[in-house]
Amino acid sequence: MRIAQVIGTVTLSQLHPSFRGSRLKLAVPLSLDDLIGKTQPTADSIVVWDDLGAGIGDRIAIAEGPEASQPFRPELKPVDAYNSAILDHLDIRLET
């Protein structure tokens, strides 16, 4: 599981029937340096299945790969990343 920030919404010209009831969001995964404000996100953006209603700028927890399709079993959805949580607050403590 990784933390990402939503940077946009994906619009399809033709909706796949299994996508009804949710949205596809564009998100950029965040590194630890991104999370603590040391650097700006530079990772490639990914498309994330979102049925929780995340907005632009929200930080989300994403599951990727085979785990991304597990919430939909026994149905199959063609997704590679799934928004599993909207994060309201992060408390990062770095031990020295």
N, C-alpha and C. Protein backbone atom coordinates (compact mmCIF):
# COMPACT_ATOMS: atom_id res chain seq x y z
N MET A 1 0.84 -1.16 0.00
CA MET A 1 0.00 0.00 0.00
C MET A 1 0.90 1.24 0.00
N ARG A 2 0.48 2.22 -0.80
CA ARG A 2 1.23 3.48 -0.88
C ARG A 2 0.29 4.66 -0.64
N ILE A 3 0.88 5.80 -0.35
CA ILE A 3 0.12 7.04 -0.20
C ILE A 3 0.31 7.84 -1.48
N ALA A 4 -0.79 8.42 -1.98
CA ALA A 4 -0.74 9.22 -3.20
C ALA A 4 -1.60 10.46 -3.01
N GLN A 5 -1.41 11.43 -3.90
CA GLN A 5 -2.21 12.64 -3.88
C GLN A 5 -3.00 12.73 -5.18
N VAL A 6 -4.30 12.99 -5.06
CA VAL A 6 -5.17 13.09 -6.23
C VAL A 6 -4.88 14.41 -6.94
N ILE A 7 -4.62 14.31 -8.26
CA ILE A 7 -4.31 15.51 -9.03
C ILE A 7 -5.32 15.75 -10.16
N GLY A 8 -6.28 14.84 -10.35
CA GLY A 8 -7.26 15.04 -11.41
C GLY A 8 -8.26 13.91 -11.50
N THR A 9 -9.19 14.06 -12.43
CA THR A 9 -10.22 13.06 -12.69
C THR A 9 -10.06 12.58 -14.12
N VAL A 10 -10.23 11.29 -14.35
CA VAL A 10 -10.12 10.71 -15.68
C VAL A 10 -11.54 10.62 -16.26
N THR A 11 -11.71 11.11 -17.48
CA THR A 11 -13.00 11.05 -18.16
C THR A 11 -12.90 10.11 -19.34
N LEU A 12 -13.83 9.17 -19.42
CA LEU A 12 -13.84 8.20 -20.51
C LEU A 12 -14.88 8.62 -21.55
N SER A 13 -14.56 8.45 -22.81
CA SER A 13 -15.54 8.77 -23.84
C SER A 13 -16.63 7.70 -23.92
N GLN A 14 -16.29 6.48 -23.53
CA GLN A 14 -17.27 5.40 -23.47
C GLN A 14 -17.02 4.63 -22.17
N LEU A 15 -18.03 4.58 -21.32
CA LEU A 15 -17.90 3.97 -20.01
C LEU A 15 -17.97 2.45 -20.10
N HIS A 16 -17.00 1.79 -19.48
CA HIS A 16 -17.05 0.33 -19.36
C HIS A 16 -18.17 -0.01 -18.37
N PRO A 17 -19.04 -0.96 -18.68
CA PRO A 17 -20.18 -1.26 -17.79
C PRO A 17 -19.80 -1.54 -16.34
N SER A 18 -18.64 -2.13 -16.10
CA SER A 18 -18.26 -2.45 -14.72
C SER A 18 -17.81 -1.22 -13.93
N PHE A 19 -17.68 -0.06 -14.58
CA PHE A 19 -17.24 1.15 -13.90
C PHE A 19 -18.38 1.99 -13.35
N ARG A 20 -19.61 1.57 -13.51
CA ARG A 20 -20.75 2.35 -13.01
C ARG A 20 -20.67 2.50 -11.49
N GLY A 21 -21.00 3.71 -11.02
CA GLY A 21 -21.06 3.94 -9.58
C GLY A 21 -19.78 4.43 -8.95
N SER A 22 -18.77 4.74 -9.73
CA SER A 22 -17.53 5.27 -9.16
C SER A 22 -16.83 6.14 -10.20
N ARG A 23 -15.65 6.60 -9.85
CA ARG A 23 -14.86 7.47 -10.74
C ARG A 23 -13.43 6.97 -10.83
N LEU A 24 -12.78 7.36 -11.89
CA LEU A 24 -11.35 7.11 -12.02
C LEU A 24 -10.63 8.42 -11.72
N LYS A 25 -9.66 8.35 -10.84
CA LYS A 25 -8.89 9.54 -10.45
C LYS A 25 -7.44 9.39 -10.91
N LEU A 26 -6.80 10.51 -11.18
CA LEU A 26 -5.39 10.55 -11.50
C LEU A 26 -4.66 10.95 -10.23
N ALA A 27 -3.69 10.13 -9.81
CA ALA A 27 -2.99 10.38 -8.55
C ALA A 27 -1.49 10.18 -8.75
N VAL A 28 -0.72 10.90 -7.95
CA VAL A 28 0.73 10.76 -7.99
C VAL A 28 1.20 10.17 -6.65
N PRO A 29 1.90 9.03 -6.70
CA PRO A 29 2.42 8.42 -5.46
C PRO A 29 3.43 9.35 -4.79
N LEU A 30 3.44 9.34 -3.46
CA LEU A 30 4.30 10.23 -2.69
C LEU A 30 5.39 9.45 -1.97
N SER A 31 6.60 9.99 -2.01
CA SER A 31 7.71 9.41 -1.25
C SER A 31 7.70 10.01 0.16
N LEU A 32 8.54 9.50 1.04
CA LEU A 32 8.63 10.06 2.39
C LEU A 32 9.06 11.53 2.33
N ASP A 33 10.02 11.86 1.47
CA ASP A 33 10.45 13.25 1.33
C ASP A 33 9.32 14.14 0.84
N ASP A 34 8.46 13.63 -0.04
CA ASP A 34 7.29 14.39 -0.49
C ASP A 34 6.34 14.63 0.68
N LEU A 35 6.13 13.60 1.50
CA LEU A 35 5.19 13.70 2.61
C LEU A 35 5.63 14.69 3.68
N ILE A 36 6.94 14.78 3.92
CA ILE A 36 7.42 15.70 4.96
C ILE A 36 7.74 17.09 4.40
N GLY A 37 7.50 17.29 3.11
CA GLY A 37 7.68 18.61 2.51
C GLY A 37 9.07 18.93 2.03
N LYS A 38 9.97 17.95 1.99
CA LYS A 38 11.34 18.19 1.53
C LYS A 38 11.41 18.36 0.02
N THR A 39 10.58 17.60 -0.70
CA THR A 39 10.60 17.63 -2.16
C THR A 39 9.17 17.68 -2.70
N GLN A 40 9.06 18.03 -3.97
CA GLN A 40 7.78 17.99 -4.67
C GLN A 40 7.65 16.62 -5.33
N PRO A 41 6.41 16.10 -5.46
CA PRO A 41 6.23 14.79 -6.09
C PRO A 41 6.78 14.76 -7.51
N THR A 42 7.53 13.71 -7.83
CA THR A 42 8.10 13.56 -9.17
C THR A 42 7.76 12.21 -9.80
N ALA A 43 7.04 11.36 -9.06
CA ALA A 43 6.69 10.03 -9.58
C ALA A 43 5.69 10.17 -10.73
N ASP A 44 5.64 9.15 -11.58
CA ASP A 44 4.65 9.11 -12.65
C ASP A 44 3.27 8.96 -12.04
N SER A 45 2.29 9.65 -12.62
CA SER A 45 0.92 9.55 -12.12
C SER A 45 0.30 8.23 -12.55
N ILE A 46 -0.69 7.79 -11.78
CA ILE A 46 -1.38 6.53 -12.05
C ILE A 46 -2.89 6.78 -11.99
N VAL A 47 -3.64 5.91 -12.65
CA VAL A 47 -5.10 5.98 -12.61
C VAL A 47 -5.58 5.07 -11.49
N VAL A 48 -6.47 5.61 -10.64
CA VAL A 48 -6.93 4.91 -9.44
C VAL A 48 -8.46 4.80 -9.47
N TRP A 49 -8.98 3.62 -9.19
CA TRP A 49 -10.42 3.41 -9.05
C TRP A 49 -10.84 4.01 -7.72
N ASP A 50 -11.85 4.90 -7.73
CA ASP A 50 -12.27 5.58 -6.51
C ASP A 50 -13.78 5.49 -6.35
N ASP A 51 -14.23 4.78 -5.33
CA ASP A 51 -15.64 4.77 -5.01
C ASP A 51 -15.89 5.42 -3.66
N LEU A 52 -14.87 6.11 -3.12
CA LEU A 52 -15.00 6.79 -1.83
C LEU A 52 -15.26 8.29 -1.97
N GLY A 53 -15.03 8.85 -3.16
CA GLY A 53 -15.31 10.27 -3.39
C GLY A 53 -14.15 11.20 -3.09
N ALA A 54 -12.93 10.78 -3.33
CA ALA A 54 -11.77 11.65 -3.09
C ALA A 54 -11.79 12.83 -4.04
N GLY A 55 -11.35 13.97 -3.55
CA GLY A 55 -11.29 15.18 -4.37
C GLY A 55 -9.86 15.54 -4.73
N ILE A 56 -9.72 16.48 -5.63
CA ILE A 56 -8.40 16.93 -6.04
C ILE A 56 -7.67 17.52 -4.83
N GLY A 57 -6.44 17.09 -4.64
CA GLY A 57 -5.63 17.53 -3.50
C GLY A 57 -5.68 16.58 -2.31
N ASP A 58 -6.65 15.67 -2.29
CA ASP A 58 -6.75 14.71 -1.18
C ASP A 58 -5.60 13.72 -1.24
N ARG A 59 -5.15 13.32 -0.07
CA ARG A 59 -4.17 12.23 0.03
C ARG A 59 -4.95 10.94 0.28
N ILE A 60 -4.57 9.91 -0.44
CA ILE A 60 -5.30 8.64 -0.37
C ILE A 60 -4.32 7.48 -0.18
N ALA A 61 -4.83 6.38 0.36
CA ALA A 61 -4.07 5.14 0.45
C ALA A 61 -4.49 4.28 -0.73
N ILE A 62 -3.51 3.79 -1.48
CA ILE A 62 -3.85 3.01 -2.67
C ILE A 62 -3.27 1.59 -2.57
N ALA A 63 -4.07 0.65 -3.03
CA ALA A 63 -3.62 -0.74 -3.20
C ALA A 63 -3.40 -0.93 -4.68
N GLU A 64 -2.34 -1.66 -5.04
CA GLU A 64 -2.00 -1.84 -6.45
C GLU A 64 -1.87 -3.32 -6.78
N GLY A 65 -1.86 -3.59 -8.07
CA GLY A 65 -1.67 -4.95 -8.55
C GLY A 65 -2.88 -5.82 -8.27
N PRO A 66 -2.66 -7.13 -8.06
CA PRO A 66 -3.77 -8.06 -7.83
C PRO A 66 -4.64 -7.67 -6.63
N GLU A 67 -4.05 -7.04 -5.61
CA GLU A 67 -4.81 -6.63 -4.44
C GLU A 67 -5.85 -5.57 -4.77
N ALA A 68 -5.64 -4.80 -5.84
CA ALA A 68 -6.56 -3.74 -6.21
C ALA A 68 -7.91 -4.27 -6.64
N SER A 69 -7.95 -5.48 -7.17
CA SER A 69 -9.23 -6.04 -7.63
C SER A 69 -9.93 -6.89 -6.57
N GLN A 70 -9.30 -7.14 -5.44
CA GLN A 70 -9.88 -7.99 -4.41
C GLN A 70 -11.21 -7.48 -3.84
N PRO A 71 -11.41 -6.16 -3.65
CA PRO A 71 -12.69 -5.71 -3.08
C PRO A 71 -13.90 -6.03 -3.96
N PHE A 72 -13.68 -6.37 -5.21
CA PHE A 72 -14.79 -6.57 -6.15
C PHE A 72 -15.16 -8.02 -6.35
N ARG A 73 -14.43 -8.95 -5.76
CA ARG A 73 -14.71 -10.37 -5.96
C ARG A 73 -16.13 -10.70 -5.56
N PRO A 74 -16.88 -11.49 -6.25
CA PRO A 74 -16.49 -12.33 -7.37
C PRO A 74 -16.53 -11.61 -8.72
N GLU A 75 -17.00 -10.34 -8.75
CA GLU A 75 -16.97 -9.60 -10.01
C GLU A 75 -15.53 -9.26 -10.37
N LEU A 76 -15.28 -9.06 -11.64
CA LEU A 76 -13.96 -8.65 -12.10
C LEU A 76 -14.05 -7.24 -12.66
N LYS A 77 -13.11 -6.41 -12.27
CA LYS A 77 -13.01 -5.04 -12.78
C LYS A 77 -11.60 -4.84 -13.30
N PRO A 78 -11.45 -4.21 -14.45
CA PRO A 78 -10.12 -4.00 -15.02
C PRO A 78 -9.40 -2.81 -14.38
N VAL A 79 -8.95 -2.98 -13.13
CA VAL A 79 -8.25 -1.90 -12.42
C VAL A 79 -6.88 -2.37 -11.95
N ASP A 80 -5.94 -1.45 -11.91
CA ASP A 80 -4.60 -1.74 -11.42
C ASP A 80 -4.32 -1.07 -10.09
N ALA A 81 -5.14 -0.06 -9.71
CA ALA A 81 -4.95 0.62 -8.44
C ALA A 81 -6.32 1.00 -7.88
N TYR A 82 -6.47 0.87 -6.56
CA TYR A 82 -7.74 1.07 -5.88
C TYR A 82 -7.55 2.02 -4.70
N ASN A 83 -8.42 3.03 -4.57
CA ASN A 83 -8.38 3.93 -3.43
C ASN A 83 -9.02 3.23 -2.24
N SER A 84 -8.21 2.83 -1.27
CA SER A 84 -8.73 2.10 -0.12
C SER A 84 -9.03 3.00 1.07
N ALA A 85 -8.56 4.27 1.05
CA ALA A 85 -8.84 5.19 2.16
C ALA A 85 -8.52 6.62 1.76
N ILE A 86 -9.31 7.56 2.28
CA ILE A 86 -8.99 8.99 2.16
C ILE A 86 -8.35 9.37 3.49
N LEU A 87 -7.16 9.93 3.43
CA LEU A 87 -6.40 10.24 4.65
C LEU A 87 -6.65 11.69 5.06
N ASP A 88 -7.24 11.88 6.23
CA ASP A 88 -7.52 13.22 6.73
C ASP A 88 -6.29 13.86 7.35
N HIS A 89 -5.46 13.05 8.00
CA HIS A 89 -4.31 13.59 8.73
C HIS A 89 -3.20 12.56 8.73
N LEU A 90 -1.98 13.04 8.54
CA LEU A 90 -0.80 12.18 8.64
C LEU A 90 0.08 12.71 9.76
N ASP A 91 0.51 11.84 10.63
CA ASP A 91 1.43 12.21 11.71
C ASP A 91 2.71 11.43 11.47
N ILE A 92 3.73 12.10 10.94
CA ILE A 92 5.00 11.43 10.60
C ILE A 92 6.03 11.84 11.64
N ARG A 93 6.57 10.85 12.31
CA ARG A 93 7.59 11.09 13.32
C ARG A 93 8.87 10.40 12.87
N LEU A 94 9.89 11.17 12.64
CA LEU A 94 11.17 10.64 12.22
C LEU A 94 12.08 10.51 13.43
N GLU A 95 12.53 9.30 13.66
CA GLU A 95 13.42 9.04 14.79
C GLU A 95 14.84 9.36 14.36
N THR A 96 15.60 10.02 15.22
CA THR A 96 16.99 10.35 14.89
C THR A 96 17.95 9.52 15.69
